[in-house]
């Protein structure tokens, strides 16, 4: 598994030169057991957030907008790894997303969600949706908050140009559900 995550970090270095991804501060707050169910919540400022979060070196399933499922290679990777796709605003898709998240948590898989629901337009934090927190409470698993900074400048929502990537990841203390 570690080779997969290190490969993703190498891809970051190819796309974003110069690249600086610091070892996540507080990473020891993540449970040692990689198959322990938990809900990781992180802010969402850029398309590269998910790639940067692989530096946590922990397996997780994550929730993505359905549109990414139609992007060649990316969509295939999402499907092959059984990640969760959701069509925002579609009630049936949201129900399916919740069912998939329940299945992953019941199987012992950590789950990563961006509680803002979308990337920020201006780099500022958006209001959180409650779904991930409800899932954690229903399953009695901890919520691990993660703060990602520096990715917005590298690839903002409105931009098409990669900038230098200088990001930091901070794993905050777990919140018991």
Protein backbone atom coordinates (compact mmCIF):
# COMPACT_ATOMS: atom_id res chain seq x y z
CA UNK A 1 0.00 0.00 0.00
CA UNK A 2 2.78 2.41 0.83
CA UNK A 3 4.10 2.18 -2.75
CA UNK A 4 0.73 3.36 -4.05
CA UNK A 5 0.75 6.43 -1.81
CA UNK A 6 4.38 7.22 -2.57
CA UNK A 7 3.56 6.96 -6.28
CA UNK A 8 0.83 9.57 -5.86
CA UNK A 9 3.29 11.88 -4.10
CA UNK A 10 5.75 11.39 -6.96
CA UNK A 11 2.99 12.36 -9.41
CA UNK A 12 2.48 15.57 -7.43
CA UNK A 13 6.15 16.40 -7.83
CA UNK A 14 5.89 15.88 -11.60
CA UNK A 15 2.82 18.12 -11.95
CA UNK A 16 3.78 20.86 -9.51
CA UNK A 17 7.39 21.98 -9.62
CA UNK A 18 8.65 23.03 -7.15
CA UNK A 19 6.61 20.88 -4.80
CA UNK A 20 6.68 20.85 -1.04
CA UNK A 21 4.43 18.49 0.85
CA UNK A 22 5.41 18.34 4.49
CA UNK A 23 4.96 15.20 6.57
CA UNK A 24 1.50 15.63 8.11
CA UNK A 25 1.63 17.26 11.53
CA UNK A 26 -0.24 15.16 14.06
CA UNK A 27 -0.23 12.06 11.82
CA UNK A 28 0.27 9.94 14.94
CA UNK A 29 -3.33 10.82 15.85
CA UNK A 30 -4.49 8.46 13.13
CA UNK A 31 -5.11 4.95 14.46
CA UNK A 32 -2.29 2.49 13.84
CA UNK A 33 -4.72 -0.12 12.46
CA UNK A 34 -5.30 0.86 8.80
CA UNK A 35 -8.54 -1.15 8.70
CA UNK A 36 -10.16 0.57 11.68
CA UNK A 37 -13.29 2.41 10.60
CA UNK A 38 -13.25 6.15 11.13
CA UNK A 39 -14.40 9.28 9.34
CA UNK A 40 -11.73 11.71 8.15
CA UNK A 41 -13.01 15.21 7.33
CA UNK A 42 -10.86 17.74 5.49
CA UNK A 43 -11.34 21.19 4.03
CA UNK A 44 -11.51 21.36 0.24
CA UNK A 45 -9.74 24.12 -1.70
CA UNK A 46 -8.29 22.40 -4.78
CA UNK A 47 -8.40 19.36 -7.02
CA UNK A 48 -5.03 18.36 -5.60
CA UNK A 49 -6.38 18.05 -2.03
CA UNK A 50 -7.12 14.35 -2.44
CA UNK A 51 -3.66 13.67 -3.87
CA UNK A 52 -2.01 15.55 -1.02
CA UNK A 53 -4.11 13.65 1.53
CA UNK A 54 -2.53 10.41 0.33
CA UNK A 55 0.55 11.61 2.25
CA UNK A 56 -1.34 10.43 5.36
CA UNK A 57 -0.20 6.97 4.19
CA UNK A 58 -3.48 5.46 5.36
CA UNK A 59 -5.96 3.66 3.12
CA UNK A 60 -9.38 5.27 2.91
CA UNK A 61 -12.43 5.40 0.71
CA UNK A 62 -13.49 8.89 -0.31
CA UNK A 63 -16.58 10.61 -1.60
CA UNK A 64 -16.28 12.38 -4.95
CA UNK A 65 -18.58 14.27 -7.25
CA UNK A 66 -20.02 12.00 -9.95
CA UNK A 67 -18.54 14.12 -12.75
CA UNK A 68 -15.05 12.83 -11.90
CA UNK A 69 -16.29 9.33 -12.70
CA UNK A 70 -16.53 10.34 -16.37
CA UNK A 71 -12.91 11.55 -16.62
CA UNK A 72 -10.72 8.94 -18.37
CA UNK A 73 -8.25 7.19 -16.05
CA UNK A 74 -9.56 9.10 -13.01
CA UNK A 75 -13.03 7.57 -13.38
CA UNK A 76 -11.57 4.12 -13.89
CA UNK A 77 -9.45 4.50 -10.75
CA UNK A 78 -12.52 5.62 -8.79
CA UNK A 79 -14.53 2.64 -10.00
CA UNK A 80 -11.76 0.03 -9.53
CA UNK A 81 -11.08 1.21 -5.97
CA UNK A 82 -14.78 1.31 -5.05
CA UNK A 83 -14.73 4.99 -4.12
CA UNK A 84 -18.07 6.70 -3.58
CA UNK A 85 -19.55 8.93 -6.28
CA UNK A 86 -22.42 11.35 -5.68
CA UNK A 87 -24.43 13.52 -8.02
CA UNK A 88 -24.95 16.65 -5.95
CA UNK A 89 -28.58 17.70 -5.62
CA UNK A 90 -29.93 14.28 -6.72
CA UNK A 91 -31.77 12.69 -3.77
CA UNK A 92 -31.44 9.15 -5.12
CA UNK A 93 -27.71 9.58 -5.64
CA UNK A 94 -27.33 10.98 -2.13
CA UNK A 95 -29.20 7.96 -0.70
CA UNK A 96 -26.91 5.66 -2.69
CA UNK A 97 -23.86 7.56 -1.39
CA UNK A 98 -25.02 7.11 2.21
CA UNK A 99 -25.61 3.38 1.60
CA UNK A 100 -22.11 3.01 0.13
CA UNK A 101 -20.55 4.94 3.02
CA UNK A 102 -22.43 2.74 5.50
CA UNK A 103 -21.15 -0.37 3.70
CA UNK A 104 -17.55 0.87 3.77
CA UNK A 105 -17.68 1.80 7.46
CA UNK A 106 -19.36 -1.52 8.35
CA UNK A 107 -16.57 -3.34 6.49
CA UNK A 108 -13.93 -1.50 8.54
CA UNK A 109 -12.78 0.97 5.90
CA UNK A 110 -11.83 4.51 6.89
CA UNK A 111 -13.87 7.09 4.99
CA UNK A 112 -12.72 10.54 3.82
CA UNK A 113 -15.23 13.30 3.19
CA UNK A 114 -14.99 16.96 2.34
CA UNK A 115 -17.80 18.32 4.55
CA UNK A 116 -17.95 21.58 2.60
CA UNK A 117 -19.34 19.55 -0.30
CA UNK A 118 -17.39 21.47 -2.94
CA UNK A 119 -14.17 23.37 -3.45
CA UNK A 120 -13.97 26.94 -2.23
CA UNK A 121 -13.96 29.76 -4.79
CA UNK A 122 -11.85 32.15 -2.71
CA UNK A 123 -9.75 29.92 -0.46
CA UNK A 124 -11.98 30.50 2.59
CA UNK A 125 -13.70 27.73 4.51
CA UNK A 126 -17.32 27.03 3.49
CA UNK A 127 -20.12 25.88 5.83
CA UNK A 128 -20.02 22.17 6.62
CA UNK A 129 -22.71 19.69 5.65
CA UNK A 130 -23.62 17.28 8.44
CA UNK A 131 -23.65 13.94 6.57
CA UNK A 132 -20.16 12.77 7.50
CA UNK A 133 -20.70 13.60 11.15
CA UNK A 134 -24.03 11.72 11.16
CA UNK A 135 -22.34 8.67 9.62
CA UNK A 136 -19.65 8.73 12.32
CA UNK A 137 -22.28 8.96 15.06
CA UNK A 138 -24.39 6.14 13.59
CA UNK A 139 -21.35 3.84 13.43
CA UNK A 140 -19.81 4.99 16.72
CA UNK A 141 -16.50 5.84 15.07
CA UNK A 142 -14.27 8.87 15.66
CA UNK A 143 -14.12 11.88 13.36
CA UNK A 144 -10.56 12.86 12.48
CA UNK A 145 -10.40 16.52 11.38
CA UNK A 146 -7.63 17.33 8.90
CA UNK A 147 -6.62 20.87 7.90
CA UNK A 148 -5.05 21.23 4.45
CA UNK A 149 -3.39 24.52 3.52
CA UNK A 150 -1.48 25.71 0.47
CA UNK A 151 -3.33 23.75 -2.21
CA UNK A 152 -5.63 26.62 -3.23
CA UNK A 153 -2.70 28.64 -4.60
CA UNK A 154 -1.47 25.63 -6.57
CA UNK A 155 -4.71 24.94 -8.44
CA UNK A 156 -7.77 27.04 -7.51
CA UNK A 157 -11.28 26.08 -8.59
CA UNK A 158 -11.37 28.80 -11.25
CA UNK A 159 -7.86 28.19 -12.59
CA UNK A 160 -6.49 26.02 -15.35
CA UNK A 161 -2.82 26.56 -14.59
CA UNK A 162 -0.77 24.63 -12.06
CA UNK A 163 1.16 26.82 -9.64
CA UNK A 164 3.89 25.83 -7.20
CA UNK A 165 2.62 23.47 -4.52
CA UNK A 166 3.66 24.34 -0.98
CA UNK A 167 1.18 22.69 1.31
CA UNK A 168 0.80 21.59 4.87
CA UNK A 169 -1.46 18.97 6.39
CA UNK A 170 -2.41 19.00 10.04
CA UNK A 171 -4.23 16.08 11.66
CA UNK A 172 -6.23 17.48 14.56
CA UNK A 173 -7.32 15.57 17.69
CA UNK A 174 -10.07 12.99 17.10
CA UNK A 175 -13.65 13.87 17.96
CA UNK A 176 -15.53 11.01 19.60
CA UNK A 177 -18.98 10.37 18.24
